[in-house]
Amino acid sequence: MSAMQDYRSSLEDVNSRKFETFSYLPAMTPEQIRQQVEYIVGKGWNPAIEHTEPENAFDHYWYMWKLPMFGETDVEAILAEAEACHKAHPNNHVRLIGYDNYAQSQGAAMVVYRGKPV
């Protein structure tokens, strides 16, 4: 059996915190983020963008960036909204969510931009 890796993460160290599954992996490239958006669209899920300050990511609700993009299938439009949110809030984490209408839950959620704590 292989040894498990310990991911050092603590509430006191904002930079060490992990969010969702993908945060344990190296940062996604723009192409990998695009593939995730294509997956969300391909599943028929509604994309949404949220953001929050790094120090509030665990104990506060995330702010919604505009309304969820109900029925949006244009990958470029979704990526543009995520980038616009990041430009408007460069120090915040920006999260992409895919809402599954059938299960009435989040089908996917990933941080696509990590903010810098001030």
PDB file of N, CA and C in Angstrom:
ATOM      1  N   MET A   1       0.855  -1.190   0.000  1.00  0.00           N
ATOM      2  CA  MET A   1       0.000   0.000   0.000  1.00  0.00           C
ATOM      3  C   MET A   1       0.890   1.238   0.000  1.00  0.00           C
ATOM      4  N   SER A   2       0.548   2.212  -0.814  1.00  0.00           N
ATOM      5  CA  SER A   2       1.343   3.431  -0.882  1.00  0.00           C
ATOM      6  C   SER A   2       1.040   4.334   0.315  1.00  0.00           C
ATOM      7  N   ALA A   3       2.001   5.160   0.647  1.00  0.00           N
ATOM      8  CA  ALA A   3       1.830   6.083   1.773  1.00  0.00           C
ATOM      9  C   ALA A   3       0.923   7.229   1.363  1.00  0.00           C
ATOM     10  N   MET A   4       0.042   7.627   2.249  1.00  0.00           N
ATOM     11  CA  MET A   4      -0.835   8.767   1.999  1.00  0.00           C
ATOM     12  C   MET A   4      -0.066  10.051   2.242  1.00  0.00           C
ATOM     13  N   GLN A   5      -0.319  11.057   1.426  1.00  0.00           N
ATOM     14  CA  GLN A   5       0.325  12.354   1.584  1.00  0.00           C
ATOM     15  C   GLN A   5      -0.525  13.232   2.490  1.00  0.00           C
ATOM     16  N   ASP A   6       0.125  13.891   3.437  1.00  0.00           N
ATOM     17  CA  ASP A   6      -0.573  14.802   4.341  1.00  0.00           C
ATOM     18  C   ASP A   6      -0.550  16.198   3.735  1.00  0.00           C
ATOM     19  N   TYR A   7      -1.732  16.774   3.518  1.00  0.00           N
ATOM     20  CA  TYR A   7      -1.819  18.138   3.018  1.00  0.00           C
ATOM     21  C   TYR A   7      -1.944  19.065   4.208  1.00  0.00           C
ATOM     22  N   ARG A   8      -0.912  19.789   4.477  1.00  0.00           N
ATOM     23  CA  ARG A   8      -0.918  20.689   5.623  1.00  0.00           C
ATOM     24  C   ARG A   8      -1.845  21.860   5.318  1.00  0.00           C
ATOM     25  N   SER A   9      -2.889  21.979   6.094  1.00  0.00           N
ATOM     26  CA  SER A   9      -3.878  23.030   5.910  1.00  0.00           C
ATOM     27  C   SER A   9      -4.383  23.445   7.278  1.00  0.00           C
ATOM     28  N   SER A  10      -4.519  24.747   7.469  1.00  0.00           N
ATOM     29  CA  SER A  10      -5.013  25.218   8.755  1.00  0.00           C
ATOM     30  C   SER A  10      -5.838  26.485   8.565  1.00  0.00           C
ATOM     31  N   LEU A  11      -6.712  26.743   9.513  1.00  0.00           N
ATOM     32  CA  LEU A  11      -7.517  27.952   9.454  1.00  0.00           C
ATOM     33  C   LEU A  11      -6.670  29.191   9.652  1.00  0.00           C
ATOM     34  N   GLU A  12      -5.592  29.082  10.427  1.00  0.00           N
ATOM     35  CA  GLU A  12      -4.743  30.240  10.705  1.00  0.00           C
ATOM     36  C   GLU A  12      -3.923  30.669   9.486  1.00  0.00           C
ATOM     37  N   ASP A  13      -3.540  29.711   8.640  1.00  0.00           N
ATOM     38  CA  ASP A  13      -2.727  30.007   7.461  1.00  0.00           C
ATOM     39  C   ASP A  13      -3.637  30.052   6.236  1.00  0.00           C
ATOM     40  N   VAL A  14      -4.015  31.255   5.848  1.00  0.00           N
ATOM     41  CA  VAL A  14      -4.962  31.439   4.738  1.00  0.00           C
ATOM     42  C   VAL A  14      -4.447  30.804   3.454  1.00  0.00           C
ATOM     43  N   ASN A  15      -3.150  30.867   3.211  1.00  0.00           N
ATOM     44  CA  ASN A  15      -2.586  30.332   1.968  1.00  0.00           C
ATOM     45  C   ASN A  15      -2.596  28.813   1.907  1.00  0.00           C
ATOM     46  N   SER A  16      -2.749  28.139   3.029  1.00  0.00           N
ATOM     47  CA  SER A  16      -2.708  26.678   3.043  1.00  0.00           C
ATOM     48  C   SER A  16      -4.078  26.038   2.834  1.00  0.00           C
ATOM     49  N   ARG A  17      -5.134  26.804   2.848  1.00  0.00           N
ATOM     50  CA  ARG A  17      -6.487  26.242   2.796  1.00  0.00           C
ATOM     51  C   ARG A  17      -6.788  25.584   1.460  1.00  0.00           C
ATOM     52  N   LYS A  18      -7.582  24.537   1.520  1.00  0.00           N
ATOM     53  CA  LYS A  18      -7.984  23.794   0.327  1.00  0.00           C
ATOM     54  C   LYS A  18      -9.484  23.972   0.117  1.00  0.00           C
ATOM     55  N   PHE A  19      -9.899  24.033  -1.160  1.00  0.00           N
ATOM     56  CA  PHE A  19     -11.304  24.223  -1.531  1.00  0.00           C
ATOM     57  C   PHE A  19     -11.673  23.218  -2.602  1.00  0.00           C
ATOM     58  N   GLU A  20     -12.682  22.446  -2.355  1.00  0.00           N
ATOM     59  CA  GLU A  20     -13.164  21.482  -3.318  1.00  0.00           C
ATOM     60  C   GLU A  20     -12.047  20.525  -3.755  1.00  0.00           C
ATOM     61  N   THR A  21     -12.378  19.560  -4.561  1.00  0.00           N
ATOM     62  CA  THR A  21     -11.454  18.499  -4.938  1.00  0.00           C
ATOM     63  C   THR A  21     -10.232  19.010  -5.695  1.00  0.00           C
ATOM     64  N   PHE A  22     -10.424  19.893  -6.657  1.00  0.00           N
ATOM     65  CA  PHE A  22      -9.326  20.293  -7.521  1.00  0.00           C
ATOM     66  C   PHE A  22      -8.250  21.105  -6.808  1.00  0.00           C
ATOM     67  N   SER A  23      -8.539  21.660  -5.646  1.00  0.00           N
ATOM     68  CA  SER A  23      -7.543  22.486  -4.967  1.00  0.00           C
ATOM     69  C   SER A  23      -6.400  21.656  -4.404  1.00  0.00           C
ATOM     70  N   TYR A  24      -6.557  20.340  -4.352  1.00  0.00           N
ATOM     71  CA  TYR A  24      -5.474  19.472  -3.892  1.00  0.00           C
ATOM     72  C   TYR A  24      -4.515  19.127  -5.029  1.00  0.00           C
ATOM     73  N   LEU A  25      -4.863  19.518  -6.217  1.00  0.00           N
ATOM     74  CA  LEU A  25      -4.030  19.274  -7.391  1.00  0.00           C
ATOM     75  C   LEU A  25      -3.309  20.569  -7.763  1.00  0.00           C
ATOM     76  N   PRO A  26      -2.312  20.486  -8.638  1.00  0.00           N
ATOM     77  CA  PRO A  26      -1.698  21.730  -9.135  1.00  0.00           C
ATOM     78  C   PRO A  26      -2.754  22.613  -9.788  1.00  0.00           C
ATOM     79  N   ALA A  27      -2.518  23.912  -9.819  1.00  0.00           N
ATOM     80  CA  ALA A  27      -3.469  24.852 -10.413  1.00  0.00           C
ATOM     81  C   ALA A  27      -3.801  24.427 -11.839  1.00  0.00           C
ATOM     82  N   MET A  28      -5.088  24.553 -12.186  1.00  0.00           N
ATOM     83  CA  MET A  28      -5.519  24.193 -13.533  1.00  0.00           C
ATOM     84  C   MET A  28      -5.033  25.221 -14.546  1.00  0.00           C
ATOM     85  N   THR A  29      -4.692  24.743 -15.714  1.00  0.00           N
ATOM     86  CA  THR A  29      -4.321  25.621 -16.816  1.00  0.00           C
ATOM     87  C   THR A  29      -5.609  26.194 -17.408  1.00  0.00           C
ATOM     88  N   PRO A  30      -5.497  27.271 -18.186  1.00  0.00           N
ATOM     89  CA  PRO A  30      -6.709  27.784 -18.852  1.00  0.00           C
ATOM     90  C   PRO A  30      -7.420  26.715 -19.697  1.00  0.00           C
ATOM     91  N   GLU A  31      -6.669  25.835 -20.345  1.00  0.00           N
ATOM     92  CA  GLU A  31      -7.282  24.780 -21.150  1.00  0.00           C
ATOM     93  C   GLU A  31      -8.037  23.780 -20.272  1.00  0.00           C
ATOM     94  N   GLN A  32      -7.488  23.454 -19.110  1.00  0.00           N
ATOM     95  CA  GLN A  32      -8.176  22.540 -18.199  1.00  0.00           C
ATOM     96  C   GLN A  32      -9.448  23.172 -17.632  1.00  0.00           C
ATOM     97  N   ILE A  33      -9.401  24.472 -17.353  1.00  0.00           N
ATOM     98  CA  ILE A  33     -10.606  25.171 -16.896  1.00  0.00           C
ATOM     99  C   ILE A  33     -11.657  25.151 -17.997  1.00  0.00           C
ATOM    100  N   ARG A  34     -11.226  25.388 -19.229  1.00  0.00           N
ATOM    101  CA  ARG A  34     -12.134  25.338 -20.380  1.00  0.00           C
ATOM    102  C   ARG A  34     -12.796  23.960 -20.472  1.00  0.00           C
ATOM    103  N   GLN A  35     -12.026  22.912 -20.283  1.00  0.00           N
ATOM    104  CA  GLN A  35     -12.577  21.556 -20.344  1.00  0.00           C
ATOM    105  C   GLN A  35     -13.619  21.332 -19.248  1.00  0.00           C
ATOM    106  N   GLN A  36     -13.406  21.895 -18.088  1.00  0.00           N
ATOM    107  CA  GLN A  36     -14.389  21.782 -17.013  1.00  0.00           C
ATOM    108  C   GLN A  36     -15.677  22.527 -17.368  1.00  0.00           C
ATOM    109  N   VAL A  37     -15.534  23.708 -17.976  1.00  0.00           N
ATOM    110  CA  VAL A  37     -16.719  24.461 -18.412  1.00  0.00           C
ATOM    111  C   VAL A  37     -17.459  23.670 -19.495  1.00  0.00           C
ATOM    112  N   GLU A  38     -16.723  23.084 -20.416  1.00  0.00           N
ATOM    113  CA  GLU A  38     -17.348  22.271 -21.461  1.00  0.00           C
ATOM    114  C   GLU A  38     -18.092  21.083 -20.845  1.00  0.00           C
ATOM    115  N   TYR A  39     -17.528  20.498 -19.806  1.00  0.00           N
ATOM    116  CA  TYR A  39     -18.189  19.390 -19.118  1.00  0.00           C
ATOM    117  C   TYR A  39     -19.501  19.855 -18.485  1.00  0.00           C
ATOM    118  N   ILE A  40     -19.458  20.995 -17.797  1.00  0.00           N
ATOM    119  CA  ILE A  40     -20.656  21.548 -17.154  1.00  0.00           C
ATOM    120  C   ILE A  40     -21.741  21.808 -18.204  1.00  0.00           C
ATOM    121  N   VAL A  41     -21.366  22.438 -19.307  1.00  0.00           N
ATOM    122  CA  VAL A  41     -22.316  22.731 -20.385  1.00  0.00           C
ATOM    123  C   VAL A  41     -22.831  21.434 -21.002  1.00  0.00           C
ATOM    124  N   GLY A  42     -21.925  20.481 -21.207  1.00  0.00           N
ATOM    125  CA  GLY A  42     -22.308  19.205 -21.801  1.00  0.00           C
ATOM    126  C   GLY A  42     -23.305  18.422 -20.963  1.00  0.00           C
ATOM    127  N   LYS A  43     -23.245  18.576 -19.655  1.00  0.00           N
ATOM    128  CA  LYS A  43     -24.182  17.907 -18.754  1.00  0.00           C
ATOM    129  C   LYS A  43     -25.522  18.641 -18.677  1.00  0.00           C
ATOM    130  N   GLY A  44     -25.592  19.835 -19.270  1.00  0.00           N
ATOM    131  CA  GLY A  44     -26.825  20.623 -19.218  1.00  0.00           C
ATOM    132  C   GLY A  44     -26.995  21.365 -17.901  1.00  0.00           C
ATOM    133  N   TRP A  45     -25.922  21.511 -17.142  1.00  0.00           N
ATOM    134  CA  TRP A  45     -25.979  22.203 -15.858  1.00  0.00           C
ATOM    135  C   TRP A  45     -25.904  23.712 -16.070  1.00  0.00           C
ATOM    136  N   ASN A  46     -26.434  24.476 -15.134  1.00  0.00           N
ATOM    137  CA  ASN A  46     -26.395  25.934 -15.200  1.00  0.00           C
ATOM    138  C   ASN A  46     -25.153  26.446 -14.491  1.00  0.00           C
ATOM    139  N   PRO A  47     -24.298  27.161 -15.217  1.00  0.00           N
ATOM    140  CA  PRO A  47     -23.093  27.692 -14.584  1.00  0.00           C
ATOM    141  C   PRO A  47     -23.404  28.932 -13.745  1.00  0.00           C
ATOM    142  N   ALA A  48     -22.581  29.130 -12.734  1.00  0.00           N
ATOM    143  CA  ALA A  48     -22.668  30.318 -11.893  1.00  0.00           C
ATOM    144  C   ALA A  48     -21.264  30.646 -11.410  1.00  0.00           C
ATOM    145  N   ILE A  49     -21.045  31.914 -11.117  1.00  0.00           N
ATOM    146  CA  ILE A  49     -19.752  32.386 -10.622  1.00  0.00           C
ATOM    147  C   ILE A  49     -19.975  32.990  -9.244  1.00  0.00           C
ATOM    148  N   GLU A  50     -19.090  32.651  -8.302  1.00  0.00           N
ATOM    149  CA  GLU A  50     -19.111  33.226  -6.957  1.00  0.00           C
ATOM    150  C   GLU A  50     -17.715  33.693  -6.605  1.00  0.00           C
ATOM    151  N   HIS A  51     -17.635  34.597  -5.617  1.00  0.00           N
ATOM    152  CA  HIS A  51     -16.323  35.069  -5.162  1.00  0.00           C
ATOM    153  C   HIS A  51     -16.391  35.420  -3.689  1.00  0.00           C
ATOM    154  N   THR A  52     -15.231  35.413  -3.038  1.00  0.00           N
ATOM    155  CA  THR A  52     -15.139  35.826  -1.643  1.00  0.00           C
ATOM    156  C   THR A  52     -13.686  36.147  -1.304  1.00  0.00           C
ATOM    157  N   GLU A  53     -13.510  36.876  -0.213  1.00  0.00           N
ATOM    158  CA  GLU A  53     -12.175  37.173   0.276  1.00  0.00           C
ATOM    159  C   GLU A  53     -11.555  35.881   0.806  1.00  0.00           C
ATOM    160  N   PRO A  54     -10.242  35.671   0.620  1.00  0.00           N
ATOM    161  CA  PRO A  54      -9.611  34.436   1.089  1.00  0.00           C
ATOM    162  C   PRO A  54      -9.830  34.175   2.580  1.00  0.00           C
ATOM    163  N   GLU A  55      -9.799  35.221   3.391  1.00  0.00           N
ATOM    164  CA  GLU A  55      -9.949  35.022   4.832  1.00  0.00           C
ATOM    165  C   GLU A  55     -11.376  34.658   5.230  1.00  0.00           C
ATOM    166  N   ASN A  56     -12.350  34.837   4.330  1.00  0.00           N
ATOM    167  CA  ASN A  56     -13.753  34.537   4.631  1.00  0.00           C
ATOM    168  C   ASN A  56     -14.273  33.281   3.933  1.00  0.00           C
ATOM    169  N   ALA A  57     -13.416  32.586   3.241  1.00  0.00           N
ATOM    170  CA  ALA A  57     -13.865  31.480   2.397  1.00  0.00           C
ATOM    171  C   ALA A  57     -14.513  30.334   3.164  1.00  0.00           C
ATOM    172  N   PHE A  58     -14.172  30.165   4.431  1.00  0.00           N
ATOM    173  CA  PHE A  58     -14.711  29.041   5.183  1.00  0.00           C
ATOM    174  C   PHE A  58     -15.897  29.402   6.065  1.00  0.00           C
ATOM    175  N   ASP A  59     -15.980  30.630   6.523  1.00  0.00           N
ATOM    176  CA  ASP A  59     -17.002  30.949   7.514  1.00  0.00           C
ATOM    177  C   ASP A  59     -18.008  31.989   7.049  1.00  0.00           C
ATOM    178  N   HIS A  60     -18.058  32.262   5.756  1.00  0.00           N
ATOM    179  CA  HIS A  60     -19.025  33.206   5.200  1.00  0.00           C
ATOM    180  C   HIS A  60     -19.596  32.621   3.908  1.00  0.00           C
ATOM    181  N   TYR A  61     -20.780  33.091   3.542  1.00  0.00           N
ATOM    182  CA  TYR A  61     -21.301  32.741   2.222  1.00  0.00           C
ATOM    183  C   TYR A  61     -20.461  33.428   1.162  1.00  0.00           C
ATOM    184  N   TRP A  62     -20.341  32.798   0.030  1.00  0.00           N
ATOM    185  CA  TRP A  62     -19.653  33.414  -1.093  1.00  0.00           C
ATOM    186  C   TRP A  62     -20.636  34.357  -1.785  1.00  0.00           C
ATOM    187  N   TYR A  63     -20.114  35.458  -2.340  1.00  0.00           N
ATOM    188  CA  TYR A  63     -20.955  36.424  -3.050  1.00  0.00           C
ATOM    189  C   TYR A  63     -21.223  35.892  -4.454  1.00  0.00           C
ATOM    190  N   MET A  64     -22.476  36.016  -4.897  1.00  0.00           N
ATOM    191  CA  MET A  64     -22.790  35.603  -6.248  1.00  0.00           C
ATOM    192  C   MET A  64     -22.397  36.719  -7.208  1.00  0.00           C
ATOM    193  N   TRP A  65     -21.707  36.363  -8.274  1.00  0.00           N
ATOM    194  CA  TRP A  65     -21.365  37.303  -9.340  1.00  0.00           C
ATOM    195  C   TRP A  65     -22.517  37.267 -10.339  1.00  0.00           C
ATOM    196  N   LYS A  66     -23.315  38.303 -10.314  1.00  0.00           N
ATOM    197  CA  LYS A  66     -24.516  38.377 -11.144  1.00  0.00           C
ATOM    198  C   LYS A  66     -25.450  37.210 -10.789  1.00  0.00           C
ATOM    199  N   LEU A  67     -26.345  36.856 -11.677  1.00  0.00           N
ATOM    200  CA  LEU A  67     -27.240  35.718 -11.458  1.00  0.00           C
ATOM    201  C   LEU A  67     -26.626  34.474 -12.096  1.00  0.00           C
ATOM    202  N   PRO A  68     -27.074  33.290 -11.681  1.00  0.00           N
ATOM    203  CA  PRO A  68     -26.605  32.101 -12.404  1.00  0.00           C
ATOM    204  C   PRO A  68     -26.939  32.242 -13.887  1.00  0.00           C
ATOM    205  N   MET A  69     -26.124  31.643 -14.728  1.00  0.00           N
ATOM    206  CA  MET A  69     -26.280  31.774 -16.178  1.00  0.00           C
ATOM    207  C   MET A  69     -27.189  30.657 -16.695  1.00  0.00           C
ATOM    208  N   PHE A  70     -28.484  30.783 -16.356  1.00  0.00           N
ATOM    209  CA  PHE A  70     -29.458  29.759 -16.700  1.00  0.00           C
ATOM    210  C   PHE A  70     -29.489  29.512 -18.206  1.00  0.00           C
ATOM    211  N   GLY A  71     -29.254  28.275 -18.599  1.00  0.00           N
ATOM    212  CA  GLY A  71     -29.327  27.892 -20.005  1.00  0.00           C
ATOM    213  C   GLY A  71     -28.148  28.321 -20.853  1.00  0.00           C
ATOM    214  N   GLU A  72     -27.135  28.929 -20.268  1.00  0.00           N
ATOM    215  CA  GLU A  72     -25.977  29.390 -21.057  1.00  0.00           C
ATOM    216  C   GLU A  72     -25.176  28.190 -21.557  1.00  0.00           C
ATOM    217  N   THR A  73     -24.911  28.162 -22.850  1.00  0.00           N
ATOM    218  CA  THR A  73     -24.130  27.077 -23.443  1.00  0.00           C
ATOM    219  C   THR A  73     -22.861  27.575 -24.127  1.00  0.00           C
ATOM    220  N   ASP A  74     -22.663  28.877 -24.152  1.00  0.00           N
ATOM    221  CA  ASP A  74     -21.479  29.459 -24.784  1.00  0.00           C
ATOM    222  C   ASP A  74     -20.314  29.431 -23.796  1.00  0.00           C
ATOM    223  N   VAL A  75     -19.363  28.543 -24.047  1.00  0.00           N
ATOM    224  CA  VAL A  75     -18.210  28.376 -23.157  1.00  0.00           C
ATOM    225  C   VAL A  75     -17.440  29.689 -23.031  1.00  0.00           C
ATOM    226  N   GLU A  76     -17.286  30.408 -24.132  1.00  0.00           N
ATOM    227  CA  GLU A  76     -16.545  31.679 -24.103  1.00  0.00           C
ATOM    228  C   GLU A  76     -17.223  32.690 -23.187  1.00  0.00           C
ATOM    229  N   ALA A  77     -18.555  32.742 -23.217  1.00  0.00           N
ATOM    230  CA  ALA A  77     -19.290  33.682 -22.366  1.00  0.00           C
ATOM    231  C   ALA A  77     -19.092  33.341 -20.887  1.00  0.00           C
ATOM    232  N   ILE A  78     -19.086  32.065 -20.560  1.00  0.00           N
ATOM    233  CA  ILE A  78     -18.900  31.634 -19.170  1.00  0.00           C
ATOM    234  C   ILE A  78     -17.491  31.975 -18.697  1.00  0.00           C
ATOM    235  N   LEU A  79     -16.493  31.674 -19.525  1.00  0.00           N
ATOM    236  CA  LEU A  79     -15.110  32.004 -19.178  1.00  0.00           C
ATOM    237  C   LEU A  79     -14.916  33.513 -19.041  1.00  0.00           C
ATOM    238  N   ALA A  80     -15.585  34.278 -19.902  1.00  0.00           N
ATOM    239  CA  ALA A  80     -15.483  35.740 -19.846  1.00  0.00           C
ATOM    240  C   ALA A  80     -16.067  36.270 -18.538  1.00  0.00           C
ATOM    241  N   GLU A  81     -17.166  35.690 -18.064  1.00  0.00           N
ATOM    242  CA  GLU A  81     -17.759  36.124 -16.796  1.00  0.00           C
ATOM    243  C   GLU A  81     -16.835  35.805 -15.620  1.00  0.00           C
ATOM    244  N   ALA A  82     -16.215  34.639 -15.643  1.00  0.00           N
ATOM    245  CA  ALA A  82     -15.271  34.289 -14.573  1.00  0.00           C
ATOM    246  C   ALA A  82     -14.100  35.258 -14.564  1.00  0.00           C
ATOM    247  N   GLU A  83     -13.587  35.587 -15.734  1.00  0.00           N
ATOM    248  CA  GLU A  83     -12.476  36.536 -15.827  1.00  0.00           C
ATOM    249  C   GLU A  83     -12.908  37.939 -15.411  1.00  0.00           C
ATOM    250  N   ALA A  84     -14.110  38.352 -15.785  1.00  0.00           N
ATOM    251  CA  ALA A  84     -14.614  39.673 -15.390  1.00  0.00           C
ATOM    252  C   ALA A  84     -14.744  39.758 -13.874  1.00  0.00           C
ATOM    253  N   CYS A  85     -15.212  38.693 -13.251  1.00  0.00           N
ATOM    254  CA  CYS A  85     -15.320  38.665 -11.790  1.00  0.00           C
ATOM    255  C   CYS A  85     -13.931  38.781 -11.164  1.00  0.00           C
ATOM    256  N   HIS A  86     -12.979  38.050 -11.720  1.00  0.00           N
ATOM    257  CA  HIS A  86     -11.604  38.104 -11.202  1.00  0.00           C
ATOM    258  C   HIS A  86     -11.006  39.502 -11.360  1.00  0.00           C
ATOM    259  N   LYS A  87     -11.248  40.139 -12.485  1.00  0.00           N
ATOM    260  CA  LYS A  87     -10.730  41.498 -12.702  1.00  0.00           C
ATOM    261  C   LYS A  87     -11.382  42.508 -11.764  1.00  0.00           C
ATOM    262  N   ALA A  88     -12.672  42.327 -11.492  1.00  0.00           N
ATOM    263  CA  ALA A  88     -13.389  43.235 -10.595  1.00  0.00           C
ATOM    264  C   ALA A  88     -12.985  43.017  -9.135  1.00  0.00           C
ATOM    265  N   HIS A  89     -12.571  41.794  -8.797  1.00  0.00           N
ATOM    266  CA  HIS A  89     -12.204  41.441  -7.416  1.00  0.00           C
ATOM    267  C   HIS A  89     -10.890  40.649  -7.439  1.00  0.00           C
ATOM    268  N   PRO A  90      -9.774  41.291  -7.782  1.00  0.00           N
ATOM    269  CA  PRO A  90      -8.516  40.560  -7.984  1.00  0.00           C
ATOM    270  C   PRO A  90      -7.959  39.885  -6.728  1.00  0.00           C
ATOM    271  N   ASN A  91      -8.360  40.322  -5.554  1.00  0.00           N
ATOM    272  CA  ASN A  91      -7.847  39.708  -4.326  1.00  0.00           C
ATOM    273  C   ASN A  91      -8.748  38.591  -3.803  1.00  0.00           C
ATOM    274  N   ASN A  92      -9.869  38.331  -4.486  1.00  0.00           N
ATOM    275  CA  ASN A  92     -10.817  37.319  -4.034  1.00  0.00           C
ATOM    276  C   ASN A  92     -10.617  35.992  -4.752  1.00  0.00           C
ATOM    277  N   HIS A  93     -11.052  34.917  -4.094  1.00  0.00           N
ATOM    278  CA  HIS A  93     -11.168  33.628  -4.762  1.00  0.00           C
ATOM    279  C   HIS A  93     -12.391  33.705  -5.673  1.00  0.00           C
ATOM    280  N   VAL A  94     -12.294  33.104  -6.839  1.00  0.00           N
ATOM    281  CA  VAL A  94     -13.424  33.044  -7.772  1.00  0.00           C
ATOM    282  C   VAL A  94     -13.729  31.571  -8.022  1.00  0.00           C
ATOM    283  N   ARG A  95     -14.986  31.204  -7.825  1.00  0.00           N
ATOM    284  CA  ARG A  95     -15.403  29.811  -7.938  1.00  0.00           C
ATOM    285  C   ARG A  95     -16.415  29.665  -9.076  1.00  0.00           C
ATOM    286  N   LEU A  96     -16.254  28.603  -9.846  1.00  0.00           N
ATOM    287  CA  LEU A  96     -17.192  28.232 -10.903  1.00  0.00           C
ATOM    288  C   LEU A  96     -18.045  27.077 -10.384  1.00  0.00           C
ATOM    289  N   ILE A  97     -19.341  27.188 -10.555  1.00  0.00           N
ATOM    290  CA  ILE A  97     -20.275  26.163 -10.090  1.00  0.00           C
ATOM    291  C   ILE A  97     -21.141  25.717 -11.264  1.00  0.00           C
ATOM    292  N   GLY A  98     -21.468  24.449 -11.284  1.00  0.00           N
ATOM    293  CA  GLY A  98     -22.432  23.903 -12.237  1.00  0.00           C
ATOM    294  C   GLY A  98     -23.607  23.355 -11.460  1.00  0.00           C
ATOM    295  N   TYR A  99     -24.769  23.998 -11.579  1.00  0.00           N
ATOM    296  CA  TYR A  99     -25.964  23.562 -10.865  1.00  0.00           C
ATOM    297  C   TYR A  99     -26.704  22.510 -11.685  1.00  0.00           C
ATOM    298  N   ASP A 100     -26.953  21.376 -11.051  1.00  0.00           N
ATOM    299  CA  ASP A 100     -27.668  20.269 -11.675  1.00  0.00           C
ATOM    300  C   ASP A 100     -29.160  20.429 -11.377  1.00  0.00           C
ATOM    301  N   ASN A 101     -29.944  20.764 -12.395  1.00  0.00           N
ATOM    302  CA  ASN A 101     -31.391  20.967 -12.214  1.00  0.00           C
ATOM    303  C   ASN A 101     -32.104  19.703 -11.752  1.00  0.00           C
ATOM    304  N   TYR A 102     -31.676  18.571 -12.266  1.00  0.00           N
ATOM    305  CA  TYR A 102     -32.364  17.329 -11.942  1.00  0.00           C
ATOM    306  C   TYR A 102     -32.161  16.946 -10.475  1.00  0.00           C
ATOM    307  N   ALA A 103     -30.912  16.946 -10.021  1.00  0.00           N
ATOM    308  CA  ALA A 103     -30.616  16.590  -8.628  1.00  0.00           C
ATOM    309  C   ALA A 103     -30.851  17.763  -7.677  1.00  0.00           C
ATOM    310  N   GLN A 104     -31.035  18.946  -8.239  1.00  0.00           N
ATOM    311  CA  GLN A 104     -31.218  20.178  -7.466  1.00  0.00           C
ATOM    312  C   GLN A 104     -30.078  20.374  -6.470  1.00  0.00           C
ATOM    313  N   SER A 105     -28.868  20.276  -7.005  1.00  0.00           N
ATOM    314  CA  SER A 105     -27.664  20.458  -6.189  1.00  0.00           C
ATOM    315  C   SER A 105     -26.524  20.916  -7.087  1.00  0.00           C
ATOM    316  N   GLN A 106     -25.388  21.164  -6.471  1.00  0.00           N
ATOM    317  CA  GLN A 106     -24.208  21.497  -7.252  1.00  0.00           C
ATOM    318  C   GLN A 106     -23.648  20.210  -7.851  1.00  0.00           C
ATOM    319  N   GLY A 107     -23.507  20.193  -9.158  1.00  0.00           N
ATOM    320  CA  GLY A 107     -22.889  19.047  -9.818  1.00  0.00           C
ATOM    321  C   GLY A 107     -21.386  19.200  -9.889  1.00  0.00           C
ATOM    322  N   ALA A 108     -20.925  20.440  -9.881  1.00  0.00           N
ATOM    323  CA  ALA A 108     -19.498  20.736  -9.925  1.00  0.00           C
ATOM    324  C   ALA A 108     -19.252  22.061  -9.226  1.00  0.00           C
ATOM    325  N   ALA A 109     -18.109  22.171  -8.587  1.00  0.00           N
ATOM    326  CA  ALA A 109     -17.699  23.432  -7.961  1.00  0.00           C
ATOM    327  C   ALA A 109     -16.185  23.426  -7.875  1.00  0.00           C
ATOM    328  N   MET A 110     -15.565  24.481  -8.367  1.00  0.00           N
ATOM    329  CA  MET A 110     -14.104  24.557  -8.341  1.00  0.00           C
ATOM    330  C   MET A 110     -13.651  26.010  -8.296  1.00  0.00           C
ATOM    331  N   VAL A 111     -12.578  26.266  -7.575  1.00  0.00           N
ATOM    332  CA  VAL A 111     -11.988  27.598  -7.551  1.00  0.00           C
ATOM    333  C   VAL A 111     -11.127  27.726  -8.796  1.00  0.00           C
ATOM    334  N   VAL A 112     -11.451  28.724  -9.629  1.00  0.00           N
ATOM    335  CA  VAL A 112     -10.703  28.910 -10.878  1.00  0.00           C
ATOM    336  C   VAL A 112      -9.686  30.040 -10.768  1.00  0.00           C
ATOM    337  N   TYR A 113      -9.830  30.922  -9.789  1.00  0.00           N
ATOM    338  CA  TYR A 113      -8.844  31.961  -9.490  1.00  0.00           C
ATOM    339  C   TYR A 113      -8.683  32.014  -7.988  1.00  0.00           C
ATOM    340  N   ARG A 114      -7.473  31.954  -7.508  1.00  0.00           N
ATOM    341  CA  ARG A 114      -7.216  32.096  -6.076  1.00  0.00           C
ATOM    342  C   ARG A 114      -6.757  33.526  -5.815  1.00  0.00           C
ATOM    343  N   GLY A 115      -7.381  34.160  -4.837  1.00  0.00           N
ATOM    344  CA  GLY A 115      -7.025  35.523  -4.474  1.00  0.00           C
ATOM    345  C   GLY A 115      -5.812  35.565  -3.553  1.00  0.00           C
ATOM    346  N   LYS A 116      -5.271  36.731  -3.430  1.00  0.00           N
ATOM    347  CA  LYS A 116      -4.134  36.952  -2.538  1.00  0.00           C
ATOM    348  C   LYS A 116      -4.637  37.601  -1.263  1.00  0.00           C
ATOM    349  N   PRO A 117      -4.348  37.015  -0.091  1.00  0.00           N
ATOM    350  CA  PRO A 117      -4.772  37.663   1.150  1.00  0.00           C
ATOM    351  C   PRO A 117      -4.050  38.996   1.332  1.00  0.00           C
ATOM    352  N   VAL A 118      -4.774  39.978   1.834  1.00  0.00           N
ATOM    353  CA  VAL A 118      -4.187  41.306   2.047  1.00  0.00           C
ATOM    354  C   VAL A 118      -3.660  41.460   3.443  1.00  0.00           C
TER     355      VAL A 118
END
